[in-house]
Amino acid sequence: MPVTTTARLRSTFDPVDRESHGDFALARIEFGQNSALEISDGAPLLRIPMSSPGFDEFTETWLVDGAPTTGRYEDIVYAHTDEYLFAAVRIPDLPEYGEATNLAYRSAFKLIANLNFPNIFGVWNFVGGIVQPNAAGMEIYRDFVAGRAEAFKLYQDGLGKIPAATGIGTRGRGISIALLAARSLRPRHIENGRQMPAYEYPREYGPKSPNFARATVIRDAADATPRQLFVSGTASILGHATVHPGDIRKQTTTVLENIEYLIGAENLAAYDLAGHRLSDLRQLKVYVKHEADLEVVRSLVTAAVGDAADVRYLNVDVCRDDLLVEIEALIPLDRGSRR
């Protein structure tokens, strides 16, 4: 019989030099100057080179109720409680990434199976040189996507296991992958009526389609109580096409409209969920391609989401060269996951 869990998971954004919360960290992701993956202070620490002058430098900390168990499996660093698993892996700078990405994801899926955390609900792919060519002339993101697709083909049972995800550039080289999974909480993966499902994109975007849902909600197995809603990295795409190339104001507005529809009552009714507003968003990461566009993006985002959200801005490339901005976010749906 399914058991209702009271285990909590919450996210905070902190200064990179903050020593301790006094709480238990499942993992930390540092958006700073360096690249590294290690176990530090009892939890995985993934460092991503993503900060630049005028933009934010911070650590995202995933907090849980008790001290996690940490470990290493092949090239993966991980930590878990009874309910939640965090796992991360780094791929070094390589001429091509498809095979290494495939192996990294397959290792992650084996770890998930071995530890019995079958319910992936969030994945982050930090891809250095994301829109640059690899040694064979293929865009690095397309190379990465092809390798990931092969691993998902072996893992997934149909399309129901494709979770919320973000694929974004960095200011360094190589690729870092991080994921969150649950043992008993059940994910429901959500699409957006304004956008074609990413796994159905035509071949003009690469030999394989991306594997991600537009959002994922995690719910109790016993009574389907929703806990958190993870909004994938969202860009200025309608259907499958980029819209408003070269216009940062219109692209940012489209991104916000896409998220507003995604989390709204009309879209979520199909998933038996109540609708939400942009003002319900928390823990936003806003990726801005051009430094000069920061203040335009900031003004539009602030006006849309209000003052309650913690919003951080990073200056990196998005997954298509004509995309200028991307936004991801979290909506806590119960008190246990609120700050």
C-alpha atoms as a PDB file:
ATOM      1  CA  MET A   1       0.000   0.000   0.000  1.00  0.00           C
ATOM      2  CA  PRO A   2       1.455   3.434  -0.928  1.00  0.00           C
ATOM      3  CA  VAL A   3       2.699   5.424   2.049  1.00  0.00           C
ATOM      4  CA  THR A   4       2.397   9.176   2.371  1.00  0.00           C
ATOM      5  CA  THR A   5       5.841  10.684   2.903  1.00  0.00           C
ATOM      6  CA  THR A   6       6.575  13.763   4.977  1.00  0.00           C
ATOM      7  CA  ALA A   7      10.149  14.046   3.726  1.00  0.00           C
ATOM      8  CA  ARG A   8      11.007  17.580   2.694  1.00  0.00           C
ATOM      9  CA  LEU A   9      13.207  18.930  -0.076  1.00  0.00           C
ATOM     10  CA  ARG A  10      13.750  22.638  -0.554  1.00  0.00           C
ATOM     11  CA  SER A  11      16.100  24.875  -2.468  1.00  0.00           C
ATOM     12  CA  THR A  12      17.880  28.044  -1.377  1.00  0.00           C
ATOM     13  CA  PHE A  13      20.205  30.451  -3.163  1.00  0.00           C
ATOM     14  CA  ASP A  14      23.144  31.517  -0.991  1.00  0.00           C
ATOM     15  CA  PRO A  15      26.453  33.394  -1.256  1.00  0.00           C
ATOM     16  CA  VAL A  16      29.253  31.095  -2.387  1.00  0.00           C
ATOM     17  CA  ASP A  17      31.166  31.727   0.841  1.00  0.00           C
ATOM     18  CA  ARG A  18      28.305  30.834   3.193  1.00  0.00           C
ATOM     19  CA  GLU A  19      29.635  28.143   5.509  1.00  0.00           C
ATOM     20  CA  SER A  20      26.516  26.365   6.780  1.00  0.00           C
ATOM     21  CA  HIS A  21      22.756  26.580   6.988  1.00  0.00           C
ATOM     22  CA  GLY A  22      22.538  24.679  10.227  1.00  0.00           C
ATOM     23  CA  ASP A  23      20.398  22.361   8.083  1.00  0.00           C
ATOM     24  CA  PHE A  24      21.234  19.208   6.175  1.00  0.00           C
ATOM     25  CA  ALA A  25      22.374  19.641   2.577  1.00  0.00           C
ATOM     26  CA  LEU A  26      21.606  16.943   0.044  1.00  0.00           C
ATOM     27  CA  ALA A  27      23.778  18.769  -2.506  1.00  0.00           C
ATOM     28  CA  ARG A  28      25.212  22.129  -3.480  1.00  0.00           C
ATOM     29  CA  ILE A  29      25.666  23.570  -6.958  1.00  0.00           C
ATOM     30  CA  GLU A  30      27.999  26.562  -7.077  1.00  0.00           C
ATOM     31  CA  PHE A  31      27.474  28.949  -9.982  1.00  0.00           C
ATOM     32  CA  GLY A  32      30.845  30.663  -9.887  1.00  0.00           C
ATOM     33  CA  GLN A  33      34.200  30.679 -11.649  1.00  0.00           C
ATOM     34  CA  ASN A  34      35.406  27.078 -11.353  1.00  0.00           C
ATOM     35  CA  SER A  35      34.688  23.535 -12.538  1.00  0.00           C
ATOM     36  CA  ALA A  36      34.770  20.696 -10.002  1.00  0.00           C
ATOM     37  CA  LEU A  37      32.797  17.806  -8.571  1.00  0.00           C
ATOM     38  CA  GLU A  38      33.526  16.518  -5.080  1.00  0.00           C
ATOM     39  CA  ILE A  39      32.033  15.581  -1.736  1.00  0.00           C
ATOM     40  CA  SER A  40      32.451  18.519   0.646  1.00  0.00           C
ATOM     41  CA  ASP A  41      30.983  19.037   4.131  1.00  0.00           C
ATOM     42  CA  GLY A  42      28.953  15.863   3.864  1.00  0.00           C
ATOM     43  CA  ALA A  43      27.310  16.516   0.495  1.00  0.00           C
ATOM     44  CA  PRO A  44      28.131  16.630  -3.221  1.00  0.00           C
ATOM     45  CA  LEU A  45      29.461  19.989  -4.397  1.00  0.00           C
ATOM     46  CA  LEU A  46      29.220  20.662  -8.133  1.00  0.00           C
ATOM     47  CA  ARG A  47      31.016  23.795  -9.303  1.00  0.00           C
ATOM     48  CA  ILE A  48      29.957  25.282 -12.644  1.00  0.00           C
ATOM     49  CA  PRO A  49      31.764  28.229 -14.327  1.00  0.00           C
ATOM     50  CA  MET A  50      28.757  30.465 -15.036  1.00  0.00           C
ATOM     51  CA  SER A  51      29.303  33.819 -13.315  1.00  0.00           C
ATOM     52  CA  SER A  52      30.614  36.996 -14.904  1.00  0.00           C
ATOM     53  CA  PRO A  53      30.933  40.678 -13.902  1.00  0.00           C
ATOM     54  CA  GLY A  54      27.540  42.275 -13.331  1.00  0.00           C
ATOM     55  CA  PHE A  55      25.772  38.928 -13.003  1.00  0.00           C
ATOM     56  CA  ASP A  56      25.179  36.692  -9.995  1.00  0.00           C
ATOM     57  CA  GLU A  57      27.578  34.305  -8.277  1.00  0.00           C
ATOM     58  CA  PHE A  58      25.798  31.990  -5.857  1.00  0.00           C
ATOM     59  CA  THR A  59      25.302  28.485  -4.515  1.00  0.00           C
ATOM     60  CA  GLU A  60      22.061  26.569  -4.916  1.00  0.00           C
ATOM     61  CA  THR A  61      21.625  24.307  -1.890  1.00  0.00           C
ATOM     62  CA  TRP A  62      19.141  21.446  -1.796  1.00  0.00           C
ATOM     63  CA  LEU A  63      18.115  20.933   1.839  1.00  0.00           C
ATOM     64  CA  VAL A  64      16.640  17.798   3.431  1.00  0.00           C
ATOM     65  CA  ASP A  65      15.543  16.702   6.910  1.00  0.00           C
ATOM     66  CA  GLY A  66      18.519  14.572   7.903  1.00  0.00           C
ATOM     67  CA  ALA A  67      22.138  13.866   7.049  1.00  0.00           C
ATOM     68  CA  PRO A  68      22.355  12.105   3.666  1.00  0.00           C
ATOM     69  CA  THR A  69      24.411   9.090   2.739  1.00  0.00           C
ATOM     70  CA  THR A  70      27.095  10.022   0.203  1.00  0.00           C
ATOM     71  CA  GLY A  71      29.052   7.933  -2.231  1.00  0.00           C
ATOM     72  CA  ARG A  72      30.657   7.468  -5.619  1.00  0.00           C
ATOM     73  CA  TYR A  73      29.608   5.163  -8.424  1.00  0.00           C
ATOM     74  CA  GLU A  74      31.830   5.005 -11.499  1.00  0.00           C
ATOM     75  CA  ASP A  75      32.297   8.735 -12.299  1.00  0.00           C
ATOM     76  CA  ILE A  76      29.182   9.827 -10.401  1.00  0.00           C
ATOM     77  CA  VAL A  77      29.101  11.596  -7.048  1.00  0.00           C
ATOM     78  CA  TYR A  78      25.813  11.165  -5.198  1.00  0.00           C
ATOM     79  CA  ALA A  79      23.924  11.623  -1.942  1.00  0.00           C
ATOM     80  CA  HIS A  80      20.593  10.275  -0.793  1.00  0.00           C
ATOM     81  CA  THR A  81      18.127  10.166   2.059  1.00  0.00           C
ATOM     82  CA  ASP A  82      15.363   7.594   2.390  1.00  0.00           C
ATOM     83  CA  GLU A  83      13.310   9.582  -0.145  1.00  0.00           C
ATOM     84  CA  TYR A  84      15.577  11.756  -2.318  1.00  0.00           C
ATOM     85  CA  LEU A  85      18.641  11.152  -4.474  1.00  0.00           C
ATOM     86  CA  PHE A  86      20.983  13.732  -5.978  1.00  0.00           C
ATOM     87  CA  ALA A  87      23.571  12.551  -8.490  1.00  0.00           C
ATOM     88  CA  ALA A  88      26.077  14.456 -10.607  1.00  0.00           C
ATOM     89  CA  VAL A  89      28.759  13.662 -13.146  1.00  0.00           C
ATOM     90  CA  ARG A  90      31.298  15.704 -15.086  1.00  0.00           C
ATOM     91  CA  ILE A  91      32.441  15.001 -18.626  1.00  0.00           C
ATOM     92  CA  PRO A  92      35.812  16.616 -19.434  1.00  0.00           C
ATOM     93  CA  ASP A  93      36.506  18.719 -22.503  1.00  0.00           C
ATOM     94  CA  LEU A  94      36.422  16.302 -25.452  1.00  0.00           C
ATOM     95  CA  PRO A  95      36.527  16.553 -29.258  1.00  0.00           C
ATOM     96  CA  GLU A  96      33.038  14.968 -29.353  1.00  0.00           C
ATOM     97  CA  TYR A  97      30.530  14.286 -26.575  1.00  0.00           C
ATOM     98  CA  GLY A  98      27.943  11.811 -27.841  1.00  0.00           C
ATOM     99  CA  GLU A  99      29.528   8.599 -26.559  1.00  0.00           C
ATOM    100  CA  ALA A 100      30.626  10.100 -23.237  1.00  0.00           C
ATOM    101  CA  THR A 101      27.156  11.555 -22.665  1.00  0.00           C
ATOM    102  CA  ASN A 102      25.555   8.204 -23.415  1.00  0.00           C
ATOM    103  CA  LEU A 103      27.845   6.463 -20.916  1.00  0.00           C
ATOM    104  CA  ALA A 104      27.305   9.131 -18.251  1.00  0.00           C
ATOM    105  CA  TYR A 105      23.529   8.865 -18.478  1.00  0.00           C
ATOM    106  CA  ARG A 106      23.612   5.082 -18.538  1.00  0.00           C
ATOM    107  CA  SER A 107      25.736   5.116 -15.388  1.00  0.00           C
ATOM    108  CA  ALA A 108      23.239   7.448 -13.744  1.00  0.00           C
ATOM    109  CA  PHE A 109      20.338   5.197 -14.691  1.00  0.00           C
ATOM    110  CA  LYS A 110      22.172   2.149 -13.306  1.00  0.00           C
ATOM    111  CA  LEU A 111      22.806   3.994 -10.039  1.00  0.00           C
ATOM    112  CA  ILE A 112      19.141   4.958  -9.824  1.00  0.00           C
ATOM    113  CA  ALA A 113      18.139   1.324 -10.302  1.00  0.00           C
ATOM    114  CA  ASN A 114      20.725  -0.001  -7.839  1.00  0.00           C
ATOM    115  CA  LEU A 115      19.670   2.420  -5.088  1.00  0.00           C
ATOM    116  CA  ASN A 116      15.940   2.189  -5.901  1.00  0.00           C
ATOM    117  CA  PHE A 117      15.149   5.806  -6.718  1.00  0.00           C
ATOM    118  CA  PRO A 118      13.156   5.193  -9.911  1.00  0.00           C
ATOM    119  CA  ASN A 119      11.354   8.531 -10.146  1.00  0.00           C
ATOM    120  CA  ILE A 120      13.498  11.209 -11.789  1.00  0.00           C
ATOM    121  CA  PHE A 121      11.900  14.632 -11.529  1.00  0.00           C
ATOM    122  CA  GLY A 122      14.612  17.108 -12.472  1.00  0.00           C
ATOM    123  CA  VAL A 123      17.750  17.123 -14.632  1.00  0.00           C
ATOM    124  CA  TRP A 124      20.233  19.914 -15.317  1.00  0.00           C
ATOM    125  CA  ASN A 125      22.678  19.732 -18.224  1.00  0.00           C
ATOM    126  CA  PHE A 126      25.421  22.362 -18.158  1.00  0.00           C
ATOM    127  CA  VAL A 127      27.064  22.260 -21.578  1.00  0.00           C
ATOM    128  CA  GLY A 128      30.259  24.183 -22.280  1.00  0.00           C
ATOM    129  CA  GLY A 129      30.437  25.635 -25.795  1.00  0.00           C
ATOM    130  CA  ILE A 130      26.804  24.653 -26.243  1.00  0.00           C
ATOM    131  CA  VAL A 131      26.279  26.306 -29.657  1.00  0.00           C
ATOM    132  CA  GLN A 132      29.864  25.858 -30.881  1.00  0.00           C
ATOM    133  CA  PRO A 133      30.959  23.054 -33.233  1.00  0.00           C
ATOM    134  CA  ASN A 134      32.646  19.899 -32.006  1.00  0.00           C
ATOM    135  CA  ALA A 135      35.655  18.396 -33.767  1.00  0.00           C
ATOM    136  CA  ALA A 136      33.377  16.850 -36.412  1.00  0.00           C
ATOM    137  CA  GLY A 137      31.587  20.131 -37.112  1.00  0.00           C
ATOM    138  CA  MET A 138      28.352  19.248 -35.286  1.00  0.00           C
ATOM    139  CA  GLU A 139      26.985  21.718 -32.758  1.00  0.00           C
ATOM    140  CA  ILE A 140      27.999  20.520 -29.287  1.00  0.00           C
ATOM    141  CA  TYR A 141      24.423  20.627 -27.982  1.00  0.00           C
ATOM    142  CA  ARG A 142      23.205  18.409 -30.834  1.00  0.00           C
ATOM    143  CA  ASP A 143      26.105  16.037 -30.178  1.00  0.00           C
ATOM    144  CA  PHE A 144      25.146  15.929 -26.488  1.00  0.00           C
ATOM    145  CA  VAL A 145      21.437  15.428 -27.260  1.00  0.00           C
ATOM    146  CA  ALA A 146      22.206  12.469 -29.533  1.00  0.00           C
ATOM    147  CA  GLY A 147      24.174  10.707 -26.804  1.00  0.00           C
ATOM    148  CA  ARG A 148      21.517  11.404 -24.195  1.00  0.00           C
ATOM    149  CA  ALA A 149      18.770  10.088 -26.479  1.00  0.00           C
ATOM    150  CA  GLU A 150      20.511   6.738 -26.871  1.00  0.00           C
ATOM    151  CA  ALA A 151      20.698   6.330 -23.096  1.00  0.00           C
ATOM    152  CA  PHE A 152      17.053   7.308 -22.600  1.00  0.00           C
ATOM    153  CA  LYS A 153      16.032   4.792 -25.262  1.00  0.00           C
ATOM    154  CA  LEU A 154      17.421   2.016 -23.065  1.00  0.00           C
ATOM    155  CA  TYR A 155      15.998   3.445 -19.833  1.00  0.00           C
ATOM    156  CA  GLN A 156      12.529   4.731 -20.496  1.00  0.00           C
ATOM    157  CA  ASP A 157       9.345   2.713 -20.598  1.00  0.00           C
ATOM    158  CA  GLY A 158       7.623   4.755 -23.281  1.00  0.00           C
ATOM    159  CA  LEU A 159       7.687   8.534 -22.967  1.00  0.00           C
ATOM    160  CA  GLY A 160       6.330   8.737 -19.428  1.00  0.00           C
ATOM    161  CA  LYS A 161       9.729   8.912 -17.751  1.00  0.00           C
ATOM    162  CA  ILE A 162      11.078  12.010 -19.486  1.00  0.00           C
ATOM    163  CA  PRO A 163      11.400  14.595 -16.692  1.00  0.00           C
ATOM    164  CA  ALA A 164      11.692  18.346 -16.456  1.00  0.00           C
ATOM    165  CA  ALA A 165      15.160  19.435 -17.505  1.00  0.00           C
ATOM    166  CA  THR A 166      17.328  22.379 -18.411  1.00  0.00           C
ATOM    167  CA  GLY A 167      20.074  22.342 -21.037  1.00  0.00           C
ATOM    168  CA  ILE A 168      22.160  25.494 -20.858  1.00  0.00           C
ATOM    169  CA  GLY A 169      25.610  26.805 -21.702  1.00  0.00           C
ATOM    170  CA  THR A 170      28.472  27.579 -19.332  1.00  0.00           C
ATOM    171  CA  ARG A 171      31.521  29.826 -19.409  1.00  0.00           C
ATOM    172  CA  GLY A 172      33.878  26.839 -19.438  1.00  0.00           C
ATOM    173  CA  ARG A 173      34.405  23.589 -21.303  1.00  0.00           C
ATOM    174  CA  GLY A 174      33.092  20.081 -20.776  1.00  0.00           C
ATOM    175  CA  ILE A 175      29.652  19.030 -19.576  1.00  0.00           C
ATOM    176  CA  SER A 176      28.187  18.635 -16.091  1.00  0.00           C
ATOM    177  CA  ILE A 177      24.970  16.712 -15.458  1.00  0.00           C
ATOM    178  CA  ALA A 178      22.958  16.776 -12.230  1.00  0.00           C
ATOM    179  CA  LEU A 179      19.687  15.075 -11.390  1.00  0.00           C
ATOM    180  CA  LEU A 180      17.150  14.651  -8.605  1.00  0.00           C
ATOM    181  CA  ALA A 181      15.083  11.502  -8.121  1.00  0.00           C
ATOM    182  CA  ALA A 182      12.623  10.182  -5.555  1.00  0.00           C
ATOM    183  CA  ARG A 183      11.893   6.763  -4.118  1.00  0.00           C
ATOM    184  CA  SER A 184       8.150   6.924  -3.363  1.00  0.00           C
ATOM    185  CA  LEU A 185       7.025  10.351  -4.556  1.00  0.00           C
ATOM    186  CA  ARG A 186       5.489  10.110  -8.009  1.00  0.00           C
ATOM    187  CA  PRO A 187       6.400  12.518 -10.815  1.00  0.00           C
ATOM    188  CA  ARG A 188       3.858  13.666 -13.390  1.00  0.00           C
ATOM    189  CA  HIS A 189       5.484  15.193 -16.437  1.00  0.00           C
ATOM    190  CA  ILE A 190       3.750  18.154 -18.026  1.00  0.00           C
ATOM    191  CA  GLU A 191       3.709  19.589 -21.541  1.00  0.00           C
ATOM    192  CA  ASN A 192       2.775  23.088 -22.726  1.00  0.00           C
ATOM    193  CA  GLY A 193      -0.061  23.635 -25.198  1.00  0.00           C
ATOM    194  CA  ARG A 194       1.869  26.530 -26.761  1.00  0.00           C
ATOM    195  CA  GLN A 195       4.889  24.357 -27.551  1.00  0.00           C
ATOM    196  CA  MET A 196       5.509  21.090 -29.349  1.00  0.00           C
ATOM    197  CA  PRO A 197       6.811  18.392 -26.981  1.00  0.00           C
ATOM    198  CA  ALA A 198      10.591  18.528 -27.261  1.00  0.00           C
ATOM    199  CA  TYR A 199      10.816  14.803 -27.993  1.00  0.00           C
ATOM    200  CA  GLU A 200       8.766  15.453 -31.177  1.00  0.00           C
ATOM    201  CA  TYR A 201      11.018  18.187 -32.604  1.00  0.00           C
ATOM    202  CA  PRO A 202      11.790  17.731 -36.317  1.00  0.00           C
ATOM    203  CA  ARG A 203      15.251  16.720 -37.491  1.00  0.00           C
ATOM    204  CA  GLU A 204      16.187  20.270 -38.456  1.00  0.00           C
ATOM    205  CA  TYR A 205      17.244  20.686 -34.811  1.00  0.00           C
ATOM    206  CA  GLY A 206      19.545  17.693 -34.818  1.00  0.00           C
ATOM    207  CA  PRO A 207      19.726  13.943 -35.476  1.00  0.00           C
ATOM    208  CA  LYS A 208      17.916  13.199 -32.198  1.00  0.00           C
ATOM    209  CA  SER A 209      15.170  15.121 -30.401  1.00  0.00           C
ATOM    210  CA  PRO A 210      15.768  16.480 -26.879  1.00  0.00           C
ATOM    211  CA  ASN A 211      14.510  14.356 -23.977  1.00  0.00           C
ATOM    212  CA  PHE A 212      12.674  16.555 -21.492  1.00  0.00           C
ATOM    213  CA  ALA A 213       9.209  17.595 -20.362  1.00  0.00           C
ATOM    214  CA  ARG A 214       8.213  21.250 -19.993  1.00  0.00           C
ATOM    215  CA  ALA A 215       7.589  20.745 -16.267  1.00  0.00           C
ATOM    216  CA  THR A 216       7.305  18.016 -13.652  1.00  0.00           C
ATOM    217  CA  VAL A 217       5.192  17.902 -10.498  1.00  0.00           C
ATOM    218  CA  ILE A 218       6.087  15.490  -7.695  1.00  0.00           C
ATOM    219  CA  ARG A 219       3.195  14.046  -5.685  1.00  0.00           C
ATOM    220  CA  ASP A 220       2.626  11.648  -2.812  1.00  0.00           C
ATOM    221  CA  ALA A 221       2.043   8.098  -3.966  1.00  0.00           C
ATOM    222  CA  ALA A 222      -0.791   7.539  -1.482  1.00  0.00           C
ATOM    223  CA  ASP A 223      -3.064  10.514  -2.064  1.00  0.00           C
ATOM    224  CA  ALA A 224      -1.475  12.392  -5.000  1.00  0.00           C
ATOM    225  CA  THR A 225      -0.891  15.500  -2.881  1.00  0.00           C
ATOM    226  CA  PRO A 226       1.370  17.741  -4.999  1.00  0.00           C
ATOM    227  CA  ARG A 227       4.657  18.776  -3.384  1.00  0.00           C
ATOM    228  CA  GLN A 228       6.652  20.807  -5.883  1.00  0.00           C
ATOM    229  CA  LEU A 229       6.406  21.876  -9.499  1.00  0.00           C
ATOM    230  CA  PHE A 230       9.656  22.089 -11.449  1.00  0.00           C
ATOM    231  CA  VAL A 231       9.555  24.343 -14.528  1.00  0.00           C
ATOM    232  CA  SER A 232      12.123  23.364 -17.155  1.00  0.00           C
ATOM    233  CA  GLY A 233      14.344  25.902 -18.823  1.00  0.00           C
ATOM    234  CA  THR A 234      11.891  27.783 -21.044  1.00  0.00           C
ATOM    235  CA  ALA A 235      12.788  29.872 -24.087  1.00  0.00           C
ATOM    236  CA  SER A 236      11.133  31.965 -26.807  1.00  0.00           C
ATOM    237  CA  ILE A 237       9.781  28.988 -28.737  1.00  0.00           C
ATOM    238  CA  LEU A 238       6.256  28.556 -30.095  1.00  0.00           C
ATOM    239  CA  GLY A 239       5.482  25.193 -31.602  1.00  0.00           C
ATOM    240  CA  HIS A 240       9.049  24.149 -32.326  1.00  0.00           C
ATOM    241  CA  ALA A 241      10.300  27.434 -33.810  1.00  0.00           C
ATOM    242  CA  THR A 242      12.274  30.274 -32.279  1.00  0.00           C
ATOM    243  CA  VAL A 243      10.233  33.486 -32.343  1.00  0.00           C
ATOM    244  CA  HIS A 244      11.433  37.115 -32.254  1.00  0.00           C
ATOM    245  CA  PRO A 245      15.091  36.463 -33.139  1.00  0.00           C
ATOM    246  CA  GLY A 246      17.258  39.433 -32.224  1.00  0.00           C
ATOM    247  CA  ASP A 247      14.602  41.109 -30.033  1.00  0.00           C
ATOM    248  CA  ILE A 248      15.379  40.606 -26.341  1.00  0.00           C
ATOM    249  CA  ARG A 249      12.270  42.380 -25.098  1.00  0.00           C
ATOM    250  CA  LYS A 250       9.898  40.278 -27.202  1.00  0.00           C
ATOM    251  CA  GLN A 251      11.781  37.060 -26.468  1.00  0.00           C
ATOM    252  CA  THR A 252      11.640  37.663 -22.720  1.00  0.00           C
ATOM    253  CA  THR A 253       7.935  38.473 -22.939  1.00  0.00           C
ATOM    254  CA  THR A 254       7.321  35.255 -24.882  1.00  0.00           C
ATOM    255  CA  VAL A 255       9.250  33.219 -22.311  1.00  0.00           C
ATOM    256  CA  LEU A 256       7.121  34.653 -19.513  1.00  0.00           C
ATOM    257  CA  GLU A 257       3.935  34.035 -21.507  1.00  0.00           C
ATOM    258  CA  ASN A 258       5.023  30.438 -22.135  1.00  0.00           C
ATOM    259  CA  ILE A 259       5.585  29.854 -18.423  1.00  0.00           C
ATOM    260  CA  GLU A 260       2.360  31.636 -17.512  1.00  0.00           C
ATOM    261  CA  TYR A 261       0.388  29.295 -19.786  1.00  0.00           C
ATOM    262  CA  LEU A 262       2.350  26.209 -18.682  1.00  0.00           C
ATOM    263  CA  ILE A 263       1.502  26.731 -15.003  1.00  0.00           C
ATOM    264  CA  GLY A 264      -1.963  28.199 -15.590  1.00  0.00           C
ATOM    265  CA  ALA A 265      -5.337  26.603 -14.949  1.00  0.00           C
ATOM    266  CA  GLU A 266      -6.114  25.786 -18.592  1.00  0.00           C
ATOM    267  CA  ASN A 267      -2.930  23.788 -19.143  1.00  0.00           C
ATOM    268  CA  LEU A 268      -2.765  22.101 -15.725  1.00  0.00           C
ATOM    269  CA  ALA A 269      -6.414  21.009 -15.736  1.00  0.00           C
ATOM    270  CA  ALA A 270      -5.398  18.115 -17.986  1.00  0.00           C
ATOM    271  CA  TYR A 271      -3.066  16.933 -15.197  1.00  0.00           C
ATOM    272  CA  ASP A 272      -5.630  17.284 -12.375  1.00  0.00           C
ATOM    273  CA  LEU A 273      -3.707  20.207 -10.917  1.00  0.00           C
ATOM    274  CA  ALA A 274      -4.763  23.653  -9.826  1.00  0.00           C
ATOM    275  CA  GLY A 275      -3.443  26.566 -11.839  1.00  0.00           C
ATOM    276  CA  HIS A 276      -0.812  29.037 -10.697  1.00  0.00           C
ATOM    277  CA  ARG A 277       0.332  32.550 -11.512  1.00  0.00           C
ATOM    278  CA  LEU A 278       3.766  33.918 -12.338  1.00  0.00           C
ATOM    279  CA  SER A 279       3.803  35.441  -8.857  1.00  0.00           C
ATOM    280  CA  ASP A 280       3.823  31.881  -7.443  1.00  0.00           C
ATOM    281  CA  LEU A 281       7.236  31.152  -8.982  1.00  0.00           C
ATOM    282  CA  ARG A 282      10.201  30.780  -6.633  1.00  0.00           C
ATOM    283  CA  GLN A 283      13.901  30.111  -7.162  1.00  0.00           C
ATOM    284  CA  LEU A 284      14.199  31.450 -10.711  1.00  0.00           C
ATOM    285  CA  LYS A 285      17.382  31.116 -12.708  1.00  0.00           C
ATOM    286  CA  VAL A 286      17.441  33.467 -15.691  1.00  0.00           C
ATOM    287  CA  TYR A 287      20.033  32.781 -18.384  1.00  0.00           C
ATOM    288  CA  VAL A 288      20.879  35.813 -20.548  1.00  0.00           C
ATOM    289  CA  LYS A 289      23.008  35.412 -23.674  1.00  0.00           C
ATOM    290  CA  HIS A 290      24.248  38.999 -24.044  1.00  0.00           C
ATOM    291  CA  GLU A 291      25.531  41.047 -21.118  1.00  0.00           C
ATOM    292  CA  ALA A 292      23.989  44.211 -22.572  1.00  0.00           C
ATOM    293  CA  ASP A 293      20.494  42.689 -22.307  1.00  0.00           C
ATOM    294  CA  LEU A 294      20.579  42.099 -18.552  1.00  0.00           C
ATOM    295  CA  GLU A 295      18.685  45.180 -17.385  1.00  0.00           C
ATOM    296  CA  VAL A 296      15.917  44.777 -19.973  1.00  0.00           C
ATOM    297  CA  VAL A 297      15.434  41.165 -18.904  1.00  0.00           C
ATOM    298  CA  ARG A 298      15.595  42.023 -15.215  1.00  0.00           C
ATOM    299  CA  SER A 299      12.942  44.727 -15.508  1.00  0.00           C
ATOM    300  CA  LEU A 300      10.521  42.446 -17.370  1.00  0.00           C
ATOM    301  CA  VAL A 301      11.045  39.493 -15.028  1.00  0.00           C
ATOM    302  CA  THR A 302      10.681  41.617 -11.887  1.00  0.00           C
ATOM    303  CA  ALA A 303       7.459  43.172 -13.162  1.00  0.00           C
ATOM    304  CA  ALA A 304       6.049  39.723 -13.967  1.00  0.00           C
ATOM    305  CA  VAL A 305       6.981  37.684 -10.886  1.00  0.00           C
ATOM    306  CA  GLY A 306       7.037  40.309  -8.119  1.00  0.00           C
ATOM    307  CA  ASP A 307       9.288  40.579  -5.094  1.00  0.00           C
ATOM    308  CA  ALA A 308       8.632  37.238  -3.359  1.00  0.00           C
ATOM    309  CA  ALA A 309      10.767  35.177  -5.736  1.00  0.00           C
ATOM    310  CA  ASP A 310      14.513  34.720  -5.411  1.00  0.00           C
ATOM    311  CA  VAL A 311      15.810  35.437  -8.925  1.00  0.00           C
ATOM    312  CA  ARG A 312      19.400  34.982 -10.114  1.00  0.00           C
ATOM    313  CA  TYR A 313      20.836  36.011 -13.479  1.00  0.00           C
ATOM    314  CA  LEU A 314      23.617  34.253 -15.392  1.00  0.00           C
ATOM    315  CA  ASN A 315      25.375  35.322 -18.599  1.00  0.00           C
ATOM    316  CA  VAL A 316      25.636  32.191 -20.780  1.00  0.00           C
ATOM    317  CA  ASP A 317      24.568  30.868 -24.175  1.00  0.00           C
ATOM    318  CA  VAL A 318      21.193  29.174 -24.580  1.00  0.00           C
ATOM    319  CA  CYS A 319      20.670  25.919 -26.507  1.00  0.00           C
ATOM    320  CA  ARG A 320      20.028  27.618 -29.876  1.00  0.00           C
ATOM    321  CA  ASP A 321      22.192  30.408 -31.208  1.00  0.00           C
ATOM    322  CA  ASP A 322      19.144  32.598 -31.941  1.00  0.00           C
ATOM    323  CA  LEU A 323      17.716  32.268 -28.418  1.00  0.00           C
ATOM    324  CA  LEU A 324      18.630  35.199 -26.179  1.00  0.00           C
ATOM    325  CA  VAL A 325      17.123  34.233 -22.821  1.00  0.00           C
ATOM    326  CA  GLU A 326      15.904  31.183 -20.909  1.00  0.00           C
ATOM    327  CA  ILE A 327      14.155  30.902 -17.535  1.00  0.00           C
ATOM    328  CA  GLU A 328      13.640  27.984 -15.149  1.00  0.00           C
ATOM    329  CA  ALA A 329      11.803  28.030 -11.823  1.00  0.00           C
ATOM    330  CA  LEU A 330      10.326  26.109  -8.926  1.00  0.00           C
ATOM    331  CA  ILE A 331       6.874  26.338  -7.327  1.00  0.00           C
ATOM    332  CA  PRO A 332       6.640  24.859  -3.803  1.00  0.00           C
ATOM    333  CA  LEU A 333       3.164  23.421  -3.331  1.00  0.00           C
ATOM    334  CA  ASP A 334       3.243  22.439   0.347  1.00  0.00           C
ATOM    335  CA  ARG A 335       4.619  23.981   3.504  1.00  0.00           C
ATOM    336  CA  GLY A 336       7.306  21.342   3.788  1.00  0.00           C
ATOM    337  CA  SER A 337       9.064  22.599   0.663  1.00  0.00           C
ATOM    338  CA  ARG A 338       8.626  26.325   1.258  1.00  0.00           C
ATOM    339  CA  ARG A 339      11.383  28.484   2.590  1.00  0.00           C
END
